[in-house]
């Protein structure tokens, strides 16, 4: 499991990926094939079980015909301790 803030961000991004994918009528297998990864890896990204690279997010955005800002919208509201 990822640390809490990292996990919170991964949850937000992963759920957005899933929502956009489903709204476009794509299965997880179809999107994974399109970006060249195993569907199990994409599933772990969507469920925030793993963190992913910016490059993979780029590929996901391209395949979904969406922007980085669509995935990252609202992340400015995630609060971090100043410690």
PDB file of N, CA and C in Angstrom:
ATOM      1  N   UNK A   1       0.848  -1.188   0.000  1.00  0.00           N
ATOM      2  CA  UNK A   1       0.000   0.000   0.000  1.00  0.00           C
ATOM      3  C   UNK A   1       0.884   1.238   0.000  1.00  0.00           C
ATOM      4  N   UNK A   2       0.468   2.250  -0.717  1.00  0.00           N
ATOM      5  CA  UNK A   2       1.222   3.485  -0.810  1.00  0.00           C
ATOM      6  C   UNK A   2       1.000   4.334   0.441  1.00  0.00           C
ATOM      7  N   UNK A   3       1.987   5.185   0.811  1.00  0.00           N
ATOM      8  CA  UNK A   3       1.775   6.121   1.929  1.00  0.00           C
ATOM      9  C   UNK A   3       0.526   6.975   1.676  1.00  0.00           C
ATOM     10  N   UNK A   4      -0.061   7.539   2.730  1.00  0.00           N
ATOM     11  CA  UNK A   4      -1.405   8.109   2.649  1.00  0.00           C
ATOM     12  C   UNK A   4      -1.585   9.212   1.603  1.00  0.00           C
ATOM     13  N   UNK A   5      -0.752  10.237   1.558  1.00  0.00           N
ATOM     14  CA  UNK A   5      -0.931  11.305   0.568  1.00  0.00           C
ATOM     15  C   UNK A   5      -0.670  10.784  -0.838  1.00  0.00           C
ATOM     16  N   UNK A   6       0.358   9.979  -0.969  1.00  0.00           N
ATOM     17  CA  UNK A   6       0.656   9.375  -2.267  1.00  0.00           C
ATOM     18  C   UNK A   6      -0.525   8.512  -2.705  1.00  0.00           C
ATOM     19  N   UNK A   7      -1.075   7.774  -1.765  1.00  0.00           N
ATOM     20  CA  UNK A   7      -2.219   6.917  -2.055  1.00  0.00           C
ATOM     21  C   UNK A   7      -3.455   7.749  -2.415  1.00  0.00           C
ATOM     22  N   UNK A   8      -3.655   8.834  -1.689  1.00  0.00           N
ATOM     23  CA  UNK A   8      -4.797   9.712  -1.960  1.00  0.00           C
ATOM     24  C   UNK A   8      -4.737  10.259  -3.392  1.00  0.00           C
ATOM     25  N   UNK A   9      -3.560  10.692  -3.805  1.00  0.00           N
ATOM     26  CA  UNK A   9      -3.377  11.211  -5.159  1.00  0.00           C
ATOM     27  C   UNK A   9      -3.570  10.091  -6.181  1.00  0.00           C
ATOM     28  N   UNK A  10      -2.988   8.931  -5.908  1.00  0.00           N
ATOM     29  CA  UNK A  10      -3.135   7.795  -6.821  1.00  0.00           C
ATOM     30  C   UNK A  10      -4.599   7.384  -6.949  1.00  0.00           C
ATOM     31  N   UNK A  11      -5.359   7.442  -5.857  1.00  0.00           N
ATOM     32  CA  UNK A  11      -6.787   7.127  -5.896  1.00  0.00           C
ATOM     33  C   UNK A  11      -7.552   8.106  -6.789  1.00  0.00           C
ATOM     34  N   UNK A  12      -7.251   9.390  -6.629  1.00  0.00           N
ATOM     35  CA  UNK A  12      -7.930  10.403  -7.440  1.00  0.00           C
ATOM     36  C   UNK A  12      -7.635  10.199  -8.925  1.00  0.00           C
ATOM     37  N   UNK A  13      -6.367  10.013  -9.260  1.00  0.00           N
ATOM     38  CA  UNK A  13      -5.975   9.845 -10.659  1.00  0.00           C
ATOM     39  C   UNK A  13      -6.518   8.528 -11.206  1.00  0.00           C
ATOM     40  N   UNK A  14      -6.378   7.460 -10.456  1.00  0.00           N
ATOM     41  CA  UNK A  14      -6.861   6.156 -10.908  1.00  0.00           C
ATOM     42  C   UNK A  14      -8.357   6.137 -11.144  1.00  0.00           C
ATOM     43  N   UNK A  15      -9.098   6.770 -10.257  1.00  0.00           N
ATOM     44  CA  UNK A  15     -10.557   6.789 -10.437  1.00  0.00           C
ATOM     45  C   UNK A  15     -10.949   7.628 -11.650  1.00  0.00           C
ATOM     46  N   UNK A  16     -10.192   8.672 -11.927  1.00  0.00           N
ATOM     47  CA  UNK A  16     -10.462   9.475 -13.129  1.00  0.00           C
ATOM     48  C   UNK A  16     -10.172   8.674 -14.391  1.00  0.00           C
ATOM     49  N   UNK A  17      -9.069   7.934 -14.377  1.00  0.00           N
ATOM     50  CA  UNK A  17      -8.747   7.094 -15.536  1.00  0.00           C
ATOM     51  C   UNK A  17      -9.890   6.120 -15.786  1.00  0.00           C
ATOM     52  N   UNK A  18     -10.340   5.449 -14.731  1.00  0.00           N
ATOM     53  CA  UNK A  18     -11.427   4.470 -14.868  1.00  0.00           C
ATOM     54  C   UNK A  18     -12.695   5.131 -15.397  1.00  0.00           C
ATOM     55  N   UNK A  19     -13.058   6.288 -14.839  1.00  0.00           N
ATOM     56  CA  UNK A  19     -14.284   6.968 -15.254  1.00  0.00           C
ATOM     57  C   UNK A  19     -14.215   7.377 -16.729  1.00  0.00           C
ATOM     58  N   UNK A  20     -13.102   7.959 -17.142  1.00  0.00           N
ATOM     59  CA  UNK A  20     -12.958   8.374 -18.543  1.00  0.00           C
ATOM     60  C   UNK A  20     -12.983   7.153 -19.455  1.00  0.00           C
ATOM     61  N   UNK A  21     -12.264   6.097 -19.056  1.00  0.00           N
ATOM     62  CA  UNK A  21     -12.230   4.866 -19.854  1.00  0.00           C
ATOM     63  C   UNK A  21     -13.637   4.302 -20.029  1.00  0.00           C
ATOM     64  N   UNK A  22     -14.374   4.213 -18.937  1.00  0.00           N
ATOM     65  CA  UNK A  22     -15.725   3.660 -18.998  1.00  0.00           C
ATOM     66  C   UNK A  22     -16.658   4.553 -19.813  1.00  0.00           C
ATOM     67  N   UNK A  23     -16.520   5.875 -19.658  1.00  0.00           N
ATOM     68  CA  UNK A  23     -17.349   6.806 -20.428  1.00  0.00           C
ATOM     69  C   UNK A  23     -17.091   6.683 -21.927  1.00  0.00           C
ATOM     70  N   UNK A  24     -15.893   6.274 -22.292  1.00  0.00           N
ATOM     71  CA  UNK A  24     -15.552   6.095 -23.704  1.00  0.00           C
ATOM     72  C   UNK A  24     -15.887   4.683 -24.192  1.00  0.00           C
ATOM     73  N   UNK A  25     -16.431   3.863 -23.304  1.00  0.00           N
ATOM     74  CA  UNK A  25     -16.868   2.530 -23.686  1.00  0.00           C
ATOM     75  C   UNK A  25     -15.735   1.536 -23.887  1.00  0.00           C
ATOM     76  N   UNK A  26     -14.589   1.797 -23.258  1.00  0.00           N
ATOM     77  CA  UNK A  26     -13.436   0.899 -23.392  1.00  0.00           C
ATOM     78  C   UNK A  26     -13.358  -0.049 -22.206  1.00  0.00           C
ATOM     79  N   UNK A  27     -13.008  -1.284 -22.480  1.00  0.00           N
ATOM     80  CA  UNK A  27     -12.714  -2.210 -21.388  1.00  0.00           C
ATOM     81  C   UNK A  27     -11.297  -1.948 -20.907  1.00  0.00           C
ATOM     82  N   UNK A  28     -10.998  -2.452 -19.747  1.00  0.00           N
ATOM     83  CA  UNK A  28      -9.647  -2.307 -19.217  1.00  0.00           C
ATOM     84  C   UNK A  28      -8.645  -3.026 -20.122  1.00  0.00           C
ATOM     85  N   UNK A  29      -9.068  -4.131 -20.696  1.00  0.00           N
ATOM     86  CA  UNK A  29      -8.211  -4.882 -21.608  1.00  0.00           C
ATOM     87  C   UNK A  29      -7.909  -4.082 -22.877  1.00  0.00           C
ATOM     88  N   UNK A  30      -8.930  -3.410 -23.412  1.00  0.00           N
ATOM     89  CA  UNK A  30      -8.738  -2.612 -24.626  1.00  0.00           C
ATOM     90  C   UNK A  30      -7.761  -1.459 -24.396  1.00  0.00           C
ATOM     91  N   UNK A  31      -7.946  -0.742 -23.290  1.00  0.00           N
ATOM     92  CA  UNK A  31      -7.041   0.382 -23.002  1.00  0.00           C
ATOM     93  C   UNK A  31      -5.630  -0.110 -22.744  1.00  0.00           C
ATOM     94  N   UNK A  32      -5.495  -1.174 -21.989  1.00  0.00           N
ATOM     95  CA  UNK A  32      -4.165  -1.717 -21.703  1.00  0.00           C
ATOM     96  C   UNK A  32      -3.465  -2.126 -22.992  1.00  0.00           C
ATOM     97  N   UNK A  33      -4.180  -2.782 -23.895  1.00  0.00           N
ATOM     98  CA  UNK A  33      -3.603  -3.188 -25.173  1.00  0.00           C
ATOM     99  C   UNK A  33      -3.154  -1.957 -25.960  1.00  0.00           C
ATOM    100  N   UNK A  34      -3.988  -0.930 -25.959  1.00  0.00           N
ATOM    101  CA  UNK A  34      -3.690   0.309 -26.698  1.00  0.00           C
ATOM    102  C   UNK A  34      -2.393   0.965 -26.215  1.00  0.00           C
ATOM    103  N   UNK A  35      -2.127   0.906 -24.911  1.00  0.00           N
ATOM    104  CA  UNK A  35      -0.923   1.566 -24.392  1.00  0.00           C
ATOM    105  C   UNK A  35       0.241   0.603 -24.185  1.00  0.00           C
ATOM    106  N   UNK A  36       0.004  -0.683 -24.453  1.00  0.00           N
ATOM    107  CA  UNK A  36       1.097  -1.645 -24.417  1.00  0.00           C
ATOM    108  C   UNK A  36       1.498  -2.149 -23.047  1.00  0.00           C
ATOM    109  N   UNK A  37       0.504  -2.280 -22.150  1.00  0.00           N
ATOM    110  CA  UNK A  37       0.791  -2.855 -20.832  1.00  0.00           C
ATOM    111  C   UNK A  37      -0.210  -3.970 -20.555  1.00  0.00           C
ATOM    112  N   UNK A  38       0.079  -4.771 -19.549  1.00  0.00           N
ATOM    113  CA  UNK A  38      -0.847  -5.821 -19.130  1.00  0.00           C
ATOM    114  C   UNK A  38      -2.081  -5.184 -18.479  1.00  0.00           C
ATOM    115  N   UNK A  39      -3.231  -5.790 -18.714  1.00  0.00           N
ATOM    116  CA  UNK A  39      -4.445  -5.233 -18.128  1.00  0.00           C
ATOM    117  C   UNK A  39      -4.390  -5.256 -16.598  1.00  0.00           C
ATOM    118  N   UNK A  40      -3.664  -6.217 -16.038  1.00  0.00           N
ATOM    119  CA  UNK A  40      -3.545  -6.280 -14.576  1.00  0.00           C
ATOM    120  C   UNK A  40      -2.793  -5.065 -14.038  1.00  0.00           C
ATOM    121  N   UNK A  41      -1.815  -4.579 -14.795  1.00  0.00           N
ATOM    122  CA  UNK A  41      -1.085  -3.389 -14.368  1.00  0.00           C
ATOM    123  C   UNK A  41      -2.004  -2.166 -14.420  1.00  0.00           C
ATOM    124  N   UNK A  42      -2.776  -2.044 -15.484  1.00  0.00           N
ATOM    125  CA  UNK A  42      -3.718  -0.926 -15.584  1.00  0.00           C
ATOM    126  C   UNK A  42      -4.750  -1.002 -14.462  1.00  0.00           C
ATOM    127  N   UNK A  43      -5.186  -2.190 -14.145  1.00  0.00           N
ATOM    128  CA  UNK A  43      -6.126  -2.366 -13.040  1.00  0.00           C
ATOM    129  C   UNK A  43      -5.514  -1.876 -11.730  1.00  0.00           C
ATOM    130  N   UNK A  44      -4.257  -2.205 -11.500  1.00  0.00           N
ATOM    131  CA  UNK A  44      -3.585  -1.749 -10.272  1.00  0.00           C
ATOM    132  C   UNK A  44      -3.423  -0.236 -10.259  1.00  0.00           C
ATOM    133  N   UNK A  45      -3.216   0.375 -11.419  1.00  0.00           N
ATOM    134  CA  UNK A  45      -3.138   1.845 -11.503  1.00  0.00           C
ATOM    135  C   UNK A  45      -4.498   2.444 -11.153  1.00  0.00           C
ATOM    136  N   UNK A  46      -5.553   1.922 -11.759  1.00  0.00           N
ATOM    137  CA  UNK A  46      -6.895   2.446 -11.503  1.00  0.00           C
ATOM    138  C   UNK A  46      -7.314   2.278 -10.049  1.00  0.00           C
ATOM    139  N   UNK A  47      -6.871   1.220  -9.408  1.00  0.00           N
ATOM    140  CA  UNK A  47      -7.238   0.958  -8.008  1.00  0.00           C
ATOM    141  C   UNK A  47      -6.247   1.556  -7.018  1.00  0.00           C
ATOM    142  N   UNK A  48      -5.239   2.259  -7.511  1.00  0.00           N
ATOM    143  CA  UNK A  48      -4.224   2.912  -6.685  1.00  0.00           C
ATOM    144  C   UNK A  48      -3.412   1.910  -5.866  1.00  0.00           C
ATOM    145  N   UNK A  49      -3.246   0.716  -6.404  1.00  0.00           N
ATOM    146  CA  UNK A  49      -2.407  -0.278  -5.746  1.00  0.00           C
ATOM    147  C   UNK A  49      -0.934  -0.015  -6.055  1.00  0.00           C
ATOM    148  N   UNK A  50      -0.688   0.641  -7.183  1.00  0.00           N
ATOM    149  CA  UNK A  50       0.674   1.014  -7.551  1.00  0.00           C
ATOM    150  C   UNK A  50       0.665   2.454  -8.050  1.00  0.00           C
ATOM    151  N   UNK A  51       1.814   3.062  -7.970  1.00  0.00           N
ATOM    152  CA  UNK A  51       2.019   4.376  -8.560  1.00  0.00           C
ATOM    153  C   UNK A  51       2.530   4.134  -9.973  1.00  0.00           C
ATOM    154  N   UNK A  52       2.369   5.084 -10.856  1.00  0.00           N
ATOM    155  CA  UNK A  52       2.826   4.894 -12.223  1.00  0.00           C
ATOM    156  C   UNK A  52       3.654   6.084 -12.673  1.00  0.00           C
ATOM    157  N   UNK A  53       4.315   5.918 -13.786  1.00  0.00           N
ATOM    158  CA  UNK A  53       5.190   6.975 -14.298  1.00  0.00           C
ATOM    159  C   UNK A  53       4.401   8.034 -15.059  1.00  0.00           C
ATOM    160  N   UNK A  54       5.004   9.175 -15.215  1.00  0.00           N
ATOM    161  CA  UNK A  54       4.410  10.240 -16.014  1.00  0.00           C
ATOM    162  C   UNK A  54       4.263   9.772 -17.460  1.00  0.00           C
ATOM    163  N   UNK A  55       5.236   9.008 -17.933  1.00  0.00           N
ATOM    164  CA  UNK A  55       5.163   8.502 -19.304  1.00  0.00           C
ATOM    165  C   UNK A  55       3.930   7.614 -19.491  1.00  0.00           C
ATOM    166  N   UNK A  56       3.658   6.741 -18.532  1.00  0.00           N
ATOM    167  CA  UNK A  56       2.466   5.882 -18.632  1.00  0.00           C
ATOM    168  C   UNK A  56       1.198   6.725 -18.590  1.00  0.00           C
ATOM    169  N   UNK A  57       1.184   7.762 -17.745  1.00  0.00           N
ATOM    170  CA  UNK A  57       0.028   8.658 -17.715  1.00  0.00           C
ATOM    171  C   UNK A  57      -0.143   9.364 -19.059  1.00  0.00           C
ATOM    172  N   UNK A  58       0.974   9.743 -19.666  1.00  0.00           N
ATOM    173  CA  UNK A  58       0.948  10.367 -20.983  1.00  0.00           C
ATOM    174  C   UNK A  58       0.303   9.421 -22.000  1.00  0.00           C
ATOM    175  N   UNK A  59       0.739   8.152 -21.990  1.00  0.00           N
ATOM    176  CA  UNK A  59       0.177   7.165 -22.918  1.00  0.00           C
ATOM    177  C   UNK A  59      -1.316   6.958 -22.673  1.00  0.00           C
ATOM    178  N   UNK A  60      -1.696   6.906 -21.410  1.00  0.00           N
ATOM    179  CA  UNK A  60      -3.109   6.729 -21.047  1.00  0.00           C
ATOM    180  C   UNK A  60      -3.921   7.918 -21.558  1.00  0.00           C
ATOM    181  N   UNK A  61      -3.419   9.127 -21.338  1.00  0.00           N
ATOM    182  CA  UNK A  61      -4.117  10.327 -21.809  1.00  0.00           C
ATOM    183  C   UNK A  61      -4.281  10.308 -23.319  1.00  0.00           C
ATOM    184  N   UNK A  62      -3.224   9.950 -24.017  1.00  0.00           N
ATOM    185  CA  UNK A  62      -3.296   9.905 -25.488  1.00  0.00           C
ATOM    186  C   UNK A  62      -4.324   8.883 -25.952  1.00  0.00           C
ATOM    187  N   UNK A  63      -4.304   7.701 -25.346  1.00  0.00           N
ATOM    188  CA  UNK A  63      -5.236   6.641 -25.750  1.00  0.00           C
ATOM    189  C   UNK A  63      -6.682   7.011 -25.432  1.00  0.00           C
ATOM    190  N   UNK A  64      -6.880   7.766 -24.353  1.00  0.00           N
ATOM    191  CA  UNK A  64      -8.225   8.186 -23.967  1.00  0.00           C
ATOM    192  C   UNK A  64      -8.638   9.508 -24.611  1.00  0.00           C
ATOM    193  N   UNK A  65      -7.725  10.095 -25.377  1.00  0.00           N
ATOM    194  CA  UNK A  65      -7.973  11.392 -26.009  1.00  0.00           C
ATOM    195  C   UNK A  65      -8.413  12.422 -24.975  1.00  0.00           C
ATOM    196  N   UNK A  66      -7.616  12.501 -23.917  1.00  0.00           N
ATOM    197  CA  UNK A  66      -7.880  13.453 -22.839  1.00  0.00           C
ATOM    198  C   UNK A  66      -6.568  14.134 -22.466  1.00  0.00           C
ATOM    199  N   UNK A  67      -6.634  15.108 -21.603  1.00  0.00           N
ATOM    200  CA  UNK A  67      -5.440  15.862 -21.233  1.00  0.00           C
ATOM    201  C   UNK A  67      -4.966  15.501 -19.829  1.00  0.00           C
ATOM    202  N   UNK A  68      -3.694  15.824 -19.573  1.00  0.00           N
ATOM    203  CA  UNK A  68      -3.159  15.653 -18.229  1.00  0.00           C
ATOM    204  C   UNK A  68      -4.013  16.431 -17.232  1.00  0.00           C
ATOM    205  N   UNK A  69      -4.426  17.618 -17.615  1.00  0.00           N
ATOM    206  CA  UNK A  69      -5.191  18.437 -16.679  1.00  0.00           C
ATOM    207  C   UNK A  69      -6.506  17.769 -16.282  1.00  0.00           C
ATOM    208  N   UNK A  70      -7.100  16.983 -17.186  1.00  0.00           N
ATOM    209  CA  UNK A  70      -8.318  16.249 -16.825  1.00  0.00           C
ATOM    210  C   UNK A  70      -8.033  15.230 -15.719  1.00  0.00           C
ATOM    211  N   UNK A  71      -6.869  14.608 -15.777  1.00  0.00           N
ATOM    212  CA  UNK A  71      -6.511  13.623 -14.747  1.00  0.00           C
ATOM    213  C   UNK A  71      -6.092  14.279 -13.442  1.00  0.00           C
ATOM    214  N   UNK A  72      -5.467  15.445 -13.530  1.00  0.00           N
ATOM    215  CA  UNK A  72      -4.869  16.069 -12.359  1.00  0.00           C
ATOM    216  C   UNK A  72      -5.740  17.144 -11.723  1.00  0.00           C
ATOM    217  N   UNK A  73      -6.862  17.455 -12.335  1.00  0.00           N
ATOM    218  CA  UNK A  73      -7.746  18.490 -11.811  1.00  0.00           C
ATOM    219  C   UNK A  73      -8.136  18.178 -10.366  1.00  0.00           C
ATOM    220  N   UNK A  74      -8.016  19.165  -9.514  1.00  0.00           N
ATOM    221  CA  UNK A  74      -8.395  19.011  -8.115  1.00  0.00           C
ATOM    222  C   UNK A  74      -7.266  18.588  -7.201  1.00  0.00           C
ATOM    223  N   UNK A  75      -6.124  18.216  -7.757  1.00  0.00           N
ATOM    224  CA  UNK A  75      -5.018  17.787  -6.907  1.00  0.00           C
ATOM    225  C   UNK A  75      -4.407  18.948  -6.122  1.00  0.00           C
ATOM    226  N   UNK A  76      -4.684  20.170  -6.546  1.00  0.00           N
ATOM    227  CA  UNK A  76      -4.215  21.334  -5.786  1.00  0.00           C
ATOM    228  C   UNK A  76      -4.847  21.369  -4.391  1.00  0.00           C
ATOM    229  N   UNK A  77      -5.966  20.686  -4.220  1.00  0.00           N
ATOM    230  CA  UNK A  77      -6.678  20.680  -2.940  1.00  0.00           C
ATOM    231  C   UNK A  77      -6.108  19.673  -1.940  1.00  0.00           C
ATOM    232  N   UNK A  78      -5.191  18.802  -2.391  1.00  0.00           N
ATOM    233  CA  UNK A  78      -4.585  17.831  -1.489  1.00  0.00           C
ATOM    234  C   UNK A  78      -3.642  18.573  -0.561  1.00  0.00           C
ATOM    235  N   UNK A  79      -3.848  18.441   0.736  1.00  0.00           N
ATOM    236  CA  UNK A  79      -3.061  19.167   1.736  1.00  0.00           C
ATOM    237  C   UNK A  79      -1.889  18.312   2.218  1.00  0.00           C
ATOM    238  N   UNK A  80      -0.749  18.968   2.381  1.00  0.00           N
ATOM    239  CA  UNK A  80       0.439  18.322   2.924  1.00  0.00           C
ATOM    240  C   UNK A  80       0.872  19.035   4.185  1.00  0.00           C
ATOM    241  N   UNK A  81       1.372  18.262   5.152  1.00  0.00           N
ATOM    242  CA  UNK A  81       1.940  18.869   6.363  1.00  0.00           C
ATOM    243  C   UNK A  81       3.196  19.626   5.992  1.00  0.00           C
ATOM    244  N   UNK A  82       3.484  20.682   6.695  1.00  0.00           N
ATOM    245  CA  UNK A  82       4.685  21.481   6.408  1.00  0.00           C
ATOM    246  C   UNK A  82       5.892  20.959   7.153  1.00  0.00           C
ATOM    247  N   UNK A  83       5.796  19.789   7.785  1.00  0.00           N
ATOM    248  CA  UNK A  83       6.921  19.209   8.549  1.00  0.00           C
ATOM    249  C   UNK A  83       8.032  18.800   7.647  1.00  0.00           C
TER     250      UNK A  83
END
